[in-house]
């Protein structure tokens, strides 16, 4: 894995033909976007189910979709077709503290 500059983390891209036809990177990108949409939709549905058996069935399908999404991400990252932004430790700590404070302030068990 390379660190291409100070903020982007990723691998060297696997070359693909740059034509008007879809290439492997384009197909993978479409598949990943679709899996993200499907996973998000299943997550919303799971929050709304009142029927336990249906909930369990959809939860199982949701997990399969989530796993497929992760595998697609891993392949794209491995081929350098998906890069992530690195963040400074100070900014991560700031976000963590903000999240922790929000949770504490919204807790029904909070002591006054």
PDB file of N, CA and C in Angstrom:
ATOM      1  N   UNK A   1       0.840  -1.169   0.000  1.00  0.00           N
ATOM      2  CA  UNK A   1       0.000   0.000   0.000  1.00  0.00           C
ATOM      3  C   UNK A   1       0.887   1.234   0.000  1.00  0.00           C
ATOM      4  N   UNK A   2       0.583   2.160  -0.848  1.00  0.00           N
ATOM      5  CA  UNK A   2       1.325   3.411  -0.940  1.00  0.00           C
ATOM      6  C   UNK A   2       0.584   4.515  -0.215  1.00  0.00           C
ATOM      7  N   UNK A   3       1.320   5.514   0.189  1.00  0.00           N
ATOM      8  CA  UNK A   3       0.697   6.741   0.636  1.00  0.00           C
ATOM      9  C   UNK A   3       1.088   7.760  -0.416  1.00  0.00           C
ATOM     10  N   UNK A   4       0.128   8.081  -1.320  1.00  0.00           N
ATOM     11  CA  UNK A   4       0.446   8.859  -2.502  1.00  0.00           C
ATOM     12  C   UNK A   4       0.783  10.300  -2.174  1.00  0.00           C
ATOM     13  N   UNK A   5       0.102  10.899  -1.260  1.00  0.00           N
ATOM     14  CA  UNK A   5       0.512  12.172  -0.707  1.00  0.00           C
ATOM     15  C   UNK A   5       0.153  12.129   0.764  1.00  0.00           C
ATOM     16  N   UNK A   6       0.210  13.232   1.438  1.00  0.00           N
ATOM     17  CA  UNK A   6       0.002  13.206   2.880  1.00  0.00           C
ATOM     18  C   UNK A   6      -1.428  12.846   3.280  1.00  0.00           C
ATOM     19  N   UNK A   7      -2.407  13.015   2.373  1.00  0.00           N
ATOM     20  CA  UNK A   7      -3.787  12.810   2.794  1.00  0.00           C
ATOM     21  C   UNK A   7      -4.494  11.659   2.099  1.00  0.00           C
ATOM     22  N   UNK A   8      -3.969  11.133   1.012  1.00  0.00           N
ATOM     23  CA  UNK A   8      -4.644  10.064   0.286  1.00  0.00           C
ATOM     24  C   UNK A   8      -3.921   8.743   0.502  1.00  0.00           C
ATOM     25  N   UNK A   9      -4.682   7.716   0.882  1.00  0.00           N
ATOM     26  CA  UNK A   9      -4.128   6.387   1.101  1.00  0.00           C
ATOM     27  C   UNK A   9      -4.713   5.467   0.045  1.00  0.00           C
ATOM     28  N   UNK A  10      -3.838   4.761  -0.670  1.00  0.00           N
ATOM     29  CA  UNK A  10      -4.322   3.845  -1.694  1.00  0.00           C
ATOM     30  C   UNK A  10      -3.171   3.157  -2.391  1.00  0.00           C
ATOM     31  N   UNK A  11      -3.515   2.269  -3.290  1.00  0.00           N
ATOM     32  CA  UNK A  11      -2.535   1.527  -4.075  1.00  0.00           C
ATOM     33  C   UNK A  11      -2.411   2.141  -5.456  1.00  0.00           C
ATOM     34  N   UNK A  12      -1.357   1.743  -6.160  1.00  0.00           N
ATOM     35  CA  UNK A  12      -1.211   2.172  -7.547  1.00  0.00           C
ATOM     36  C   UNK A  12      -2.374   1.599  -8.352  1.00  0.00           C
ATOM     37  N   UNK A  13      -3.039   2.426  -9.153  1.00  0.00           N
ATOM     38  CA  UNK A  13      -4.177   1.925  -9.933  1.00  0.00           C
ATOM     39  C   UNK A  13      -3.765   0.884 -10.967  1.00  0.00           C
ATOM     40  N   UNK A  14      -4.559  -0.167 -11.049  1.00  0.00           N
ATOM     41  CA  UNK A  14      -4.408  -1.140 -12.121  1.00  0.00           C
ATOM     42  C   UNK A  14      -4.906  -0.467 -13.392  1.00  0.00           C
ATOM     43  N   UNK A  15      -4.114  -0.462 -14.455  1.00  0.00           N
ATOM     44  CA  UNK A  15      -4.548   0.218 -15.678  1.00  0.00           C
ATOM     45  C   UNK A  15      -5.795  -0.427 -16.285  1.00  0.00           C
ATOM     46  N   UNK A  16      -6.674   0.423 -16.794  1.00  0.00           N
ATOM     47  CA  UNK A  16      -7.867  -0.026 -17.511  1.00  0.00           C
ATOM     48  C   UNK A  16      -7.964   0.778 -18.799  1.00  0.00           C
ATOM     49  N   UNK A  17      -8.591   0.216 -19.826  1.00  0.00           N
ATOM     50  CA  UNK A  17      -8.739   0.960 -21.077  1.00  0.00           C
ATOM     51  C   UNK A  17      -9.596   2.209 -20.863  1.00  0.00           C
ATOM     52  N   UNK A  18      -9.134   3.317 -21.359  1.00  0.00           N
ATOM     53  CA  UNK A  18      -9.898   4.565 -21.266  1.00  0.00           C
ATOM     54  C   UNK A  18     -10.650   4.761 -22.580  1.00  0.00           C
ATOM     55  N   UNK A  19     -11.798   4.111 -22.672  1.00  0.00           N
ATOM     56  CA  UNK A  19     -12.647   4.216 -23.858  1.00  0.00           C
ATOM     57  C   UNK A  19     -14.051   4.592 -23.406  1.00  0.00           C
ATOM     58  N   UNK A  20     -14.946   4.754 -24.363  1.00  0.00           N
ATOM     59  CA  UNK A  20     -16.331   5.075 -24.010  1.00  0.00           C
ATOM     60  C   UNK A  20     -17.062   3.849 -23.455  1.00  0.00           C
ATOM     61  N   UNK A  21     -16.521   2.650 -23.697  1.00  0.00           N
ATOM     62  CA  UNK A  21     -17.124   1.422 -23.157  1.00  0.00           C
ATOM     63  C   UNK A  21     -16.746   1.284 -21.683  1.00  0.00           C
ATOM     64  N   UNK A  22     -17.621   0.645 -20.925  1.00  0.00           N
ATOM     65  CA  UNK A  22     -17.319   0.421 -19.510  1.00  0.00           C
ATOM     66  C   UNK A  22     -16.172  -0.576 -19.376  1.00  0.00           C
ATOM     67  N   UNK A  23     -15.285  -0.311 -18.417  1.00  0.00           N
ATOM     68  CA  UNK A  23     -14.168  -1.215 -18.144  1.00  0.00           C
ATOM     69  C   UNK A  23     -14.382  -1.863 -16.773  1.00  0.00           C
ATOM     70  N   UNK A  24     -13.437  -2.681 -16.343  1.00  0.00           N
ATOM     71  CA  UNK A  24     -13.576  -3.391 -15.067  1.00  0.00           C
ATOM     72  C   UNK A  24     -13.774  -2.436 -13.894  1.00  0.00           C
ATOM     73  N   UNK A  25     -13.026  -1.333 -13.880  1.00  0.00           N
ATOM     74  CA  UNK A  25     -13.163  -0.349 -12.798  1.00  0.00           C
ATOM     75  C   UNK A  25     -14.577   0.239 -12.781  1.00  0.00           C
ATOM     76  N   UNK A  26     -15.113   0.551 -13.962  1.00  0.00           N
ATOM     77  CA  UNK A  26     -16.469   1.106 -14.050  1.00  0.00           C
ATOM     78  C   UNK A  26     -17.508   0.119 -13.529  1.00  0.00           C
ATOM     79  N   UNK A  27     -17.379  -1.150 -13.931  1.00  0.00           N
ATOM     80  CA  UNK A  27     -18.322  -2.170 -13.459  1.00  0.00           C
ATOM     81  C   UNK A  27     -18.237  -2.336 -11.941  1.00  0.00           C
ATOM     82  N   UNK A  28     -17.017  -2.372 -11.420  1.00  0.00           N
ATOM     83  CA  UNK A  28     -16.840  -2.525  -9.972  1.00  0.00           C
ATOM     84  C   UNK A  28     -17.431  -1.325  -9.226  1.00  0.00           C
ATOM     85  N   UNK A  29     -17.226  -0.136  -9.775  1.00  0.00           N
ATOM     86  CA  UNK A  29     -17.763   1.067  -9.155  1.00  0.00           C
ATOM     87  C   UNK A  29     -19.292   1.034  -9.133  1.00  0.00           C
ATOM     88  N   UNK A  30     -19.899   0.592 -10.229  1.00  0.00           N
ATOM     89  CA  UNK A  30     -21.360   0.467 -10.290  1.00  0.00           C
ATOM     90  C   UNK A  30     -21.867  -0.579  -9.303  1.00  0.00           C
ATOM     91  N   UNK A  31     -21.168  -1.713  -9.230  1.00  0.00           N
ATOM     92  CA  UNK A  31     -21.563  -2.755  -8.281  1.00  0.00           C
ATOM     93  C   UNK A  31     -21.472  -2.256  -6.839  1.00  0.00           C
ATOM     94  N   UNK A  32     -20.399  -1.554  -6.516  1.00  0.00           N
ATOM     95  CA  UNK A  32     -20.233  -1.044  -5.157  1.00  0.00           C
ATOM     96  C   UNK A  32     -21.323  -0.027  -4.822  1.00  0.00           C
ATOM     97  N   UNK A  33     -21.612   0.878  -5.744  1.00  0.00           N
ATOM     98  CA  UNK A  33     -22.674   1.869  -5.513  1.00  0.00           C
ATOM     99  C   UNK A  33     -24.020   1.182  -5.306  1.00  0.00           C
ATOM    100  N   UNK A  34     -24.284   0.142  -6.089  1.00  0.00           N
ATOM    101  CA  UNK A  34     -25.541  -0.597  -5.957  1.00  0.00           C
ATOM    102  C   UNK A  34     -25.616  -1.306  -4.613  1.00  0.00           C
ATOM    103  N   UNK A  35     -24.534  -1.961  -4.206  1.00  0.00           N
ATOM    104  CA  UNK A  35     -24.524  -2.649  -2.909  1.00  0.00           C
ATOM    105  C   UNK A  35     -24.699  -1.662  -1.757  1.00  0.00           C
ATOM    106  N   UNK A  36     -24.103  -0.484  -1.865  1.00  0.00           N
ATOM    107  CA  UNK A  36     -24.286   0.530  -0.824  1.00  0.00           C
ATOM    108  C   UNK A  36     -25.757   0.930  -0.735  1.00  0.00           C
ATOM    109  N   UNK A  37     -26.390   1.131  -1.878  1.00  0.00           N
ATOM    110  CA  UNK A  37     -27.805   1.504  -1.911  1.00  0.00           C
ATOM    111  C   UNK A  37     -28.670   0.386  -1.323  1.00  0.00           C
ATOM    112  N   UNK A  38     -28.398  -0.847  -1.738  1.00  0.00           N
ATOM    113  CA  UNK A  38     -29.176  -1.992  -1.250  1.00  0.00           C
ATOM    114  C   UNK A  38     -29.010  -2.147   0.263  1.00  0.00           C
ATOM    115  N   UNK A  39     -27.775  -2.064   0.742  1.00  0.00           N
ATOM    116  CA  UNK A  39     -27.514  -2.199   2.173  1.00  0.00           C
ATOM    117  C   UNK A  39     -28.231  -1.108   2.960  1.00  0.00           C
ATOM    118  N   UNK A  40     -28.184   0.109   2.459  1.00  0.00           N
ATOM    119  CA  UNK A  40     -28.871   1.219   3.118  1.00  0.00           C
ATOM    120  C   UNK A  40     -30.380   0.974   3.162  1.00  0.00           C
ATOM    121  N   UNK A  41     -30.929   0.464   2.071  1.00  0.00           N
ATOM    122  CA  UNK A  41     -32.369   0.176   2.013  1.00  0.00           C
ATOM    123  C   UNK A  41     -32.754  -0.935   2.986  1.00  0.00           C
ATOM    124  N   UNK A  42     -31.945  -1.992   3.048  1.00  0.00           N
ATOM    125  CA  UNK A  42     -32.212  -3.070   4.007  1.00  0.00           C
ATOM    126  C   UNK A  42     -32.151  -2.541   5.436  1.00  0.00           C
ATOM    127  N   UNK A  43     -31.199  -1.678   5.711  1.00  0.00           N
ATOM    128  CA  UNK A  43     -31.053  -1.122   7.057  1.00  0.00           C
ATOM    129  C   UNK A  43     -32.311  -0.341   7.448  1.00  0.00           C
ATOM    130  N   UNK A  44     -32.813   0.461   6.532  1.00  0.00           N
ATOM    131  CA  UNK A  44     -34.052   1.197   6.792  1.00  0.00           C
ATOM    132  C   UNK A  44     -35.203   0.235   7.035  1.00  0.00           C
ATOM    133  N   UNK A  45     -35.313  -0.788   6.196  1.00  0.00           N
ATOM    134  CA  UNK A  45     -36.396  -1.769   6.345  1.00  0.00           C
ATOM    135  C   UNK A  45     -36.306  -2.481   7.695  1.00  0.00           C
ATOM    136  N   UNK A  46     -35.103  -2.843   8.106  1.00  0.00           N
ATOM    137  CA  UNK A  46     -34.932  -3.548   9.383  1.00  0.00           C
ATOM    138  C   UNK A  46     -35.425  -2.716  10.565  1.00  0.00           C
ATOM    139  N   UNK A  47     -35.290  -1.408  10.456  1.00  0.00           N
ATOM    140  CA  UNK A  47     -35.765  -0.532  11.528  1.00  0.00           C
ATOM    141  C   UNK A  47     -37.290  -0.474  11.600  1.00  0.00           C
ATOM    142  N   UNK A  48     -37.972  -0.934  10.556  1.00  0.00           N
ATOM    143  CA  UNK A  48     -39.426  -0.792  10.467  1.00  0.00           C
ATOM    144  C   UNK A  48     -40.193  -2.098  10.665  1.00  0.00           C
ATOM    145  N   UNK A  49     -39.512  -3.242  10.645  1.00  0.00           N
ATOM    146  CA  UNK A  49     -40.226  -4.525  10.721  1.00  0.00           C
ATOM    147  C   UNK A  49     -40.796  -4.786  12.106  1.00  0.00           C
ATOM    148  N   UNK A  50     -42.033  -5.288  12.134  1.00  0.00           N
ATOM    149  CA  UNK A  50     -42.624  -5.726  13.398  1.00  0.00           C
ATOM    150  C   UNK A  50     -42.747  -7.250  13.444  1.00  0.00           C
ATOM    151  N   UNK A  51     -42.605  -7.900  12.302  1.00  0.00           N
ATOM    152  CA  UNK A  51     -42.731  -9.360  12.203  1.00  0.00           C
ATOM    153  C   UNK A  51     -41.347  -9.982  12.401  1.00  0.00           C
ATOM    154  N   UNK A  52     -41.171 -10.748  13.481  1.00  0.00           N
ATOM    155  CA  UNK A  52     -39.845 -11.267  13.844  1.00  0.00           C
ATOM    156  C   UNK A  52     -39.225 -12.180  12.795  1.00  0.00           C
ATOM    157  N   UNK A  53     -40.003 -13.084  12.220  1.00  0.00           N
ATOM    158  CA  UNK A  53     -39.450 -14.012  11.226  1.00  0.00           C
ATOM    159  C   UNK A  53     -38.997 -13.260   9.979  1.00  0.00           C
ATOM    160  N   UNK A  54     -39.786 -12.294   9.545  1.00  0.00           N
ATOM    161  CA  UNK A  54     -39.404 -11.490   8.383  1.00  0.00           C
ATOM    162  C   UNK A  54     -38.160 -10.669   8.699  1.00  0.00           C
ATOM    163  N   UNK A  55     -38.112 -10.130   9.909  1.00  0.00           N
ATOM    164  CA  UNK A  55     -36.931  -9.383  10.342  1.00  0.00           C
ATOM    165  C   UNK A  55     -35.682 -10.258  10.244  1.00  0.00           C
ATOM    166  N   UNK A  56     -35.755 -11.483  10.748  1.00  0.00           N
ATOM    167  CA  UNK A  56     -34.603 -12.388  10.729  1.00  0.00           C
ATOM    168  C   UNK A  56     -34.171 -12.718   9.301  1.00  0.00           C
ATOM    169  N   UNK A  57     -35.147 -12.961   8.417  1.00  0.00           N
ATOM    170  CA  UNK A  57     -34.824 -13.262   7.015  1.00  0.00           C
ATOM    171  C   UNK A  57     -34.117 -12.087   6.348  1.00  0.00           C
ATOM    172  N   UNK A  58     -34.669 -10.896   6.510  1.00  0.00           N
ATOM    173  CA  UNK A  58     -34.073  -9.712   5.879  1.00  0.00           C
ATOM    174  C   UNK A  58     -32.737  -9.373   6.538  1.00  0.00           C
ATOM    175  N   UNK A  59     -32.609  -9.621   7.828  1.00  0.00           N
ATOM    176  CA  UNK A  59     -31.335  -9.369   8.509  1.00  0.00           C
ATOM    177  C   UNK A  59     -30.233 -10.255   7.928  1.00  0.00           C
ATOM    178  N   UNK A  60     -30.568 -11.492   7.635  1.00  0.00           N
ATOM    179  CA  UNK A  60     -29.605 -12.410   7.022  1.00  0.00           C
ATOM    180  C   UNK A  60     -29.192 -11.909   5.635  1.00  0.00           C
ATOM    181  N   UNK A  61     -30.166 -11.473   4.850  1.00  0.00           N
ATOM    182  CA  UNK A  61     -29.876 -10.936   3.509  1.00  0.00           C
ATOM    183  C   UNK A  61     -29.062  -9.650   3.627  1.00  0.00           C
ATOM    184  N   UNK A  62     -29.391  -8.816   4.606  1.00  0.00           N
ATOM    185  CA  UNK A  62     -28.651  -7.580   4.858  1.00  0.00           C
ATOM    186  C   UNK A  62     -27.174  -7.882   5.120  1.00  0.00           C
ATOM    187  N   UNK A  63     -26.910  -8.886   5.957  1.00  0.00           N
ATOM    188  CA  UNK A  63     -25.522  -9.256   6.258  1.00  0.00           C
ATOM    189  C   UNK A  63     -24.786  -9.740   5.016  1.00  0.00           C
ATOM    190  N   UNK A  64     -25.458 -10.508   4.165  1.00  0.00           N
ATOM    191  CA  UNK A  64     -24.842 -10.959   2.914  1.00  0.00           C
ATOM    192  C   UNK A  64     -24.512  -9.770   2.022  1.00  0.00           C
ATOM    193  N   UNK A  65     -25.425  -8.826   1.937  1.00  0.00           N
ATOM    194  CA  UNK A  65     -25.209  -7.635   1.117  1.00  0.00           C
ATOM    195  C   UNK A  65     -24.061  -6.795   1.665  1.00  0.00           C
ATOM    196  N   UNK A  66     -24.027  -6.656   2.982  1.00  0.00           N
ATOM    197  CA  UNK A  66     -22.956  -5.901   3.638  1.00  0.00           C
ATOM    198  C   UNK A  66     -21.603  -6.555   3.375  1.00  0.00           C
ATOM    199  N   UNK A  67     -21.560  -7.883   3.443  1.00  0.00           N
ATOM    200  CA  UNK A  67     -20.314  -8.611   3.174  1.00  0.00           C
ATOM    201  C   UNK A  67     -19.887  -8.457   1.716  1.00  0.00           C
ATOM    202  N   UNK A  68     -20.852  -8.494   0.799  1.00  0.00           N
ATOM    203  CA  UNK A  68     -20.543  -8.300  -0.626  1.00  0.00           C
ATOM    204  C   UNK A  68     -19.988  -6.900  -0.851  1.00  0.00           C
ATOM    205  N   UNK A  69     -20.569  -5.922  -0.180  1.00  0.00           N
ATOM    206  CA  UNK A  69     -20.090  -4.543  -0.286  1.00  0.00           C
ATOM    207  C   UNK A  69     -18.642  -4.453   0.178  1.00  0.00           C
ATOM    208  N   UNK A  70     -18.325  -5.099   1.273  1.00  0.00           N
ATOM    209  CA  UNK A  70     -16.957  -5.061   1.804  1.00  0.00           C
ATOM    210  C   UNK A  70     -15.970  -5.742   0.856  1.00  0.00           C
ATOM    211  N   UNK A  71     -16.383  -6.875   0.290  1.00  0.00           N
ATOM    212  CA  UNK A  71     -15.505  -7.572  -0.666  1.00  0.00           C
ATOM    213  C   UNK A  71     -15.249  -6.697  -1.896  1.00  0.00           C
ATOM    214  N   UNK A  72     -16.280  -6.029  -2.396  1.00  0.00           N
ATOM    215  CA  UNK A  72     -16.106  -5.135  -3.545  1.00  0.00           C
ATOM    216  C   UNK A  72     -15.148  -3.999  -3.197  1.00  0.00           C
ATOM    217  N   UNK A  73     -15.324  -3.410  -2.017  1.00  0.00           N
ATOM    218  CA  UNK A  73     -14.416  -2.352  -1.583  1.00  0.00           C
ATOM    219  C   UNK A  73     -12.979  -2.859  -1.544  1.00  0.00           C
ATOM    220  N   UNK A  74     -12.773  -4.034  -0.945  1.00  0.00           N
ATOM    221  CA  UNK A  74     -11.418  -4.581  -0.830  1.00  0.00           C
ATOM    222  C   UNK A  74     -10.775  -4.789  -2.194  1.00  0.00           C
ATOM    223  N   UNK A  75     -11.529  -5.317  -3.153  1.00  0.00           N
ATOM    224  CA  UNK A  75     -10.989  -5.533  -4.503  1.00  0.00           C
ATOM    225  C   UNK A  75     -10.651  -4.192  -5.143  1.00  0.00           C
ATOM    226  N   UNK A  76     -11.553  -3.225  -5.021  1.00  0.00           N
ATOM    227  CA  UNK A  76     -11.294  -1.913  -5.623  1.00  0.00           C
ATOM    228  C   UNK A  76     -10.086  -1.243  -4.975  1.00  0.00           C
ATOM    229  N   UNK A  77      -9.972  -1.343  -3.658  1.00  0.00           N
ATOM    230  CA  UNK A  77      -8.837  -0.747  -2.957  1.00  0.00           C
ATOM    231  C   UNK A  77      -7.538  -1.423  -3.381  1.00  0.00           C
ATOM    232  N   UNK A  78      -7.573  -2.745  -3.477  1.00  0.00           N
ATOM    233  CA  UNK A  78      -6.397  -3.519  -3.886  1.00  0.00           C
ATOM    234  C   UNK A  78      -5.921  -3.093  -5.276  1.00  0.00           C
ATOM    235  N   UNK A  79      -6.856  -2.807  -6.168  1.00  0.00           N
ATOM    236  CA  UNK A  79      -6.509  -2.409  -7.535  1.00  0.00           C
ATOM    237  C   UNK A  79      -6.238  -0.910  -7.665  1.00  0.00           C
ATOM    238  N   UNK A  80      -6.329  -0.174  -6.556  1.00  0.00           N
ATOM    239  CA  UNK A  80      -6.064   1.257  -6.600  1.00  0.00           C
ATOM    240  C   UNK A  80      -7.207   2.058  -7.195  1.00  0.00           C
ATOM    241  N   UNK A  81      -8.382   1.479  -7.252  1.00  0.00           N
ATOM    242  CA  UNK A  81      -9.550   2.155  -7.827  1.00  0.00           C
ATOM    243  C   UNK A  81     -10.400   2.824  -6.770  1.00  0.00           C
ATOM    244  N   UNK A  82     -10.034   2.682  -5.512  1.00  0.00           N
ATOM    245  CA  UNK A  82     -10.751   3.315  -4.408  1.00  0.00           C
ATOM    246  C   UNK A  82      -9.698   3.790  -3.428  1.00  0.00           C
ATOM    247  N   UNK A  83      -9.676   5.070  -3.184  1.00  0.00           N
ATOM    248  CA  UNK A  83      -8.705   5.644  -2.262  1.00  0.00           C
ATOM    249  C   UNK A  83      -9.453   6.239  -1.075  1.00  0.00           C
ATOM    250  N   UNK A  84      -8.789   6.315   0.045  1.00  0.00           N
ATOM    251  CA  UNK A  84      -9.383   6.914   1.235  1.00  0.00           C
ATOM    252  C   UNK A  84      -8.524   8.085   1.685  1.00  0.00           C
ATOM    253  N   UNK A  85      -9.151   8.999   2.362  1.00  0.00           N
ATOM    254  CA  UNK A  85      -8.446  10.165   2.869  1.00  0.00           C
ATOM    255  C   UNK A  85      -7.961   9.886   4.289  1.00  0.00           C
ATOM    256  N   UNK A  86      -6.682  10.096   4.512  1.00  0.00           N
ATOM    257  CA  UNK A  86      -6.124   9.961   5.861  1.00  0.00           C
ATOM    258  C   UNK A  86      -6.490  11.211   6.656  1.00  0.00           C
ATOM    259  N   UNK A  87      -6.656  11.044   7.927  1.00  0.00           N
ATOM    260  CA  UNK A  87      -7.007  12.184   8.774  1.00  0.00           C
ATOM    261  C   UNK A  87      -5.987  12.301   9.894  1.00  0.00           C
ATOM    262  N   UNK A  88      -5.751  13.517  10.305  1.00  0.00           N
ATOM    263  CA  UNK A  88      -4.797  13.763  11.382  1.00  0.00           C
ATOM    264  C   UNK A  88      -5.377  13.281  12.708  1.00  0.00           C
ATOM    265  N   UNK A  89      -4.497  12.791  13.573  1.00  0.00           N
ATOM    266  CA  UNK A  89      -4.898  12.260  14.871  1.00  0.00           C
ATOM    267  C   UNK A  89      -5.693  13.280  15.674  1.00  0.00           C
ATOM    268  N   UNK A  90      -5.282  14.531  15.633  1.00  0.00           N
ATOM    269  CA  UNK A  90      -5.970  15.575  16.395  1.00  0.00           C
ATOM    270  C   UNK A  90      -7.427  15.714  15.942  1.00  0.00           C
ATOM    271  N   UNK A  91      -7.663  15.658  14.640  1.00  0.00           N
ATOM    272  CA  UNK A  91      -9.023  15.785  14.121  1.00  0.00           C
ATOM    273  C   UNK A  91      -9.867  14.563  14.493  1.00  0.00           C
ATOM    274  N   UNK A  92      -9.266  13.379  14.479  1.00  0.00           N
ATOM    275  CA  UNK A  92      -9.977  12.174  14.907  1.00  0.00           C
ATOM    276  C   UNK A  92     -10.351  12.261  16.384  1.00  0.00           C
ATOM    277  N   UNK A  93      -9.421  12.719  17.203  1.00  0.00           N
ATOM    278  CA  UNK A  93      -9.687  12.863  18.636  1.00  0.00           C
ATOM    279  C   UNK A  93     -10.796  13.878  18.872  1.00  0.00           C
ATOM    280  N   UNK A  94     -10.790  14.959  18.110  1.00  0.00           N
ATOM    281  CA  UNK A  94     -11.821  15.985  18.235  1.00  0.00           C
ATOM    282  C   UNK A  94     -13.198  15.408  17.886  1.00  0.00           C
ATOM    283  N   UNK A  95     -13.282  14.631  16.813  1.00  0.00           N
ATOM    284  CA  UNK A  95     -14.551  14.010  16.414  1.00  0.00           C
ATOM    285  C   UNK A  95     -15.008  13.007  17.467  1.00  0.00           C
ATOM    286  N   UNK A  96     -14.076  12.239  18.011  1.00  0.00           N
ATOM    287  CA  UNK A  96     -14.403  11.264  19.058  1.00  0.00           C
ATOM    288  C   UNK A  96     -14.968  11.968  20.290  1.00  0.00           C
ATOM    289  N   UNK A  97     -14.309  13.030  20.710  1.00  0.00           N
ATOM    290  CA  UNK A  97     -14.755  13.781  21.880  1.00  0.00           C
ATOM    291  C   UNK A  97     -16.139  14.378  21.648  1.00  0.00           C
ATOM    292  N   UNK A  98     -16.350  14.935  20.466  1.00  0.00           N
ATOM    293  CA  UNK A  98     -17.653  15.516  20.140  1.00  0.00           C
ATOM    294  C   UNK A  98     -18.744  14.439  20.167  1.00  0.00           C
ATOM    295  N   UNK A  99     -18.461  13.282  19.586  1.00  0.00           N
ATOM    296  CA  UNK A  99     -19.423  12.180  19.571  1.00  0.00           C
ATOM    297  C   UNK A  99     -19.704  11.697  20.994  1.00  0.00           C
ATOM    298  N   UNK A 100     -18.660  11.549  21.783  1.00  0.00           N
ATOM    299  CA  UNK A 100     -18.807  11.093  23.166  1.00  0.00           C
ATOM    300  C   UNK A 100     -19.654  12.080  23.970  1.00  0.00           C
ATOM    301  N   UNK A 101     -19.405  13.379  23.795  1.00  0.00           N
ATOM    302  CA  UNK A 101     -20.185  14.398  24.500  1.00  0.00           C
ATOM    303  C   UNK A 101     -21.650  14.364  24.079  1.00  0.00           C
ATOM    304  N   UNK A 102     -21.898  14.172  22.798  1.00  0.00           N
ATOM    305  CA  UNK A 102     -23.273  14.086  22.300  1.00  0.00           C
ATOM    306  C   UNK A 102     -23.986  12.901  22.924  1.00  0.00           C
ATOM    307  N   UNK A 103     -23.320  11.747  22.971  1.00  0.00           N
ATOM    308  CA  UNK A 103     -23.927  10.564  23.589  1.00  0.00           C
ATOM    309  C   UNK A 103     -24.228  10.793  25.065  1.00  0.00           C
ATOM    310  N   UNK A 104     -23.291  11.394  25.767  1.00  0.00           N
ATOM    311  CA  UNK A 104     -23.490  11.648  27.194  1.00  0.00           C
ATOM    312  C   UNK A 104     -24.642  12.613  27.430  1.00  0.00           C
ATOM    313  N   UNK A 105     -24.761  13.636  26.587  1.00  0.00           N
ATOM    314  CA  UNK A 105     -25.826  14.625  26.743  1.00  0.00           C
ATOM    315  C   UNK A 105     -27.198  14.066  26.392  1.00  0.00           C
ATOM    316  N   UNK A 106     -27.250  13.041  25.556  1.00  0.00           N
ATOM    317  CA  UNK A 106     -28.524  12.472  25.130  1.00  0.00           C
ATOM    318  C   UNK A 106     -28.899  11.222  25.917  1.00  0.00           C
ATOM    319  N   UNK A 107     -28.055  10.801  26.811  1.00  0.00           N
ATOM    320  CA  UNK A 107     -28.312   9.577  27.570  1.00  0.00           C
ATOM    321  C   UNK A 107     -29.491   9.765  28.522  1.00  0.00           C
ATOM    322  N   UNK A 108     -30.432   8.817  28.538  1.00  0.00           N
ATOM    323  CA  UNK A 108     -31.543   8.916  29.487  1.00  0.00           C
ATOM    324  C   UNK A 108     -31.089   8.638  30.927  1.00  0.00           C
ATOM    325  N   UNK A 109     -29.872   8.151  31.102  1.00  0.00           N
ATOM    326  CA  UNK A 109     -29.344   7.821  32.426  1.00  0.00           C
ATOM    327  C   UNK A 109     -28.388   8.886  32.946  1.00  0.00           C
ATOM    328  N   UNK A 110     -28.381  10.004  32.293  1.00  0.00           N
ATOM    329  CA  UNK A 110     -27.474  11.090  32.634  1.00  0.00           C
ATOM    330  C   UNK A 110     -27.778  11.612  34.039  1.00  0.00           C
ATOM    331  N   UNK A 111     -26.726  11.878  34.784  1.00  0.00           N
ATOM    332  CA  UNK A 111     -26.894  12.427  36.129  1.00  0.00           C
ATOM    333  C   UNK A 111     -26.759  13.939  36.064  1.00  0.00           C
ATOM    334  N   UNK A 112     -27.673  14.624  36.704  1.00  0.00           N
ATOM    335  CA  UNK A 112     -27.641  16.099  36.696  1.00  0.00           C
ATOM    336  C   UNK A 112     -27.057  16.631  37.965  1.00  0.00           C
TER     337      UNK A 112
END
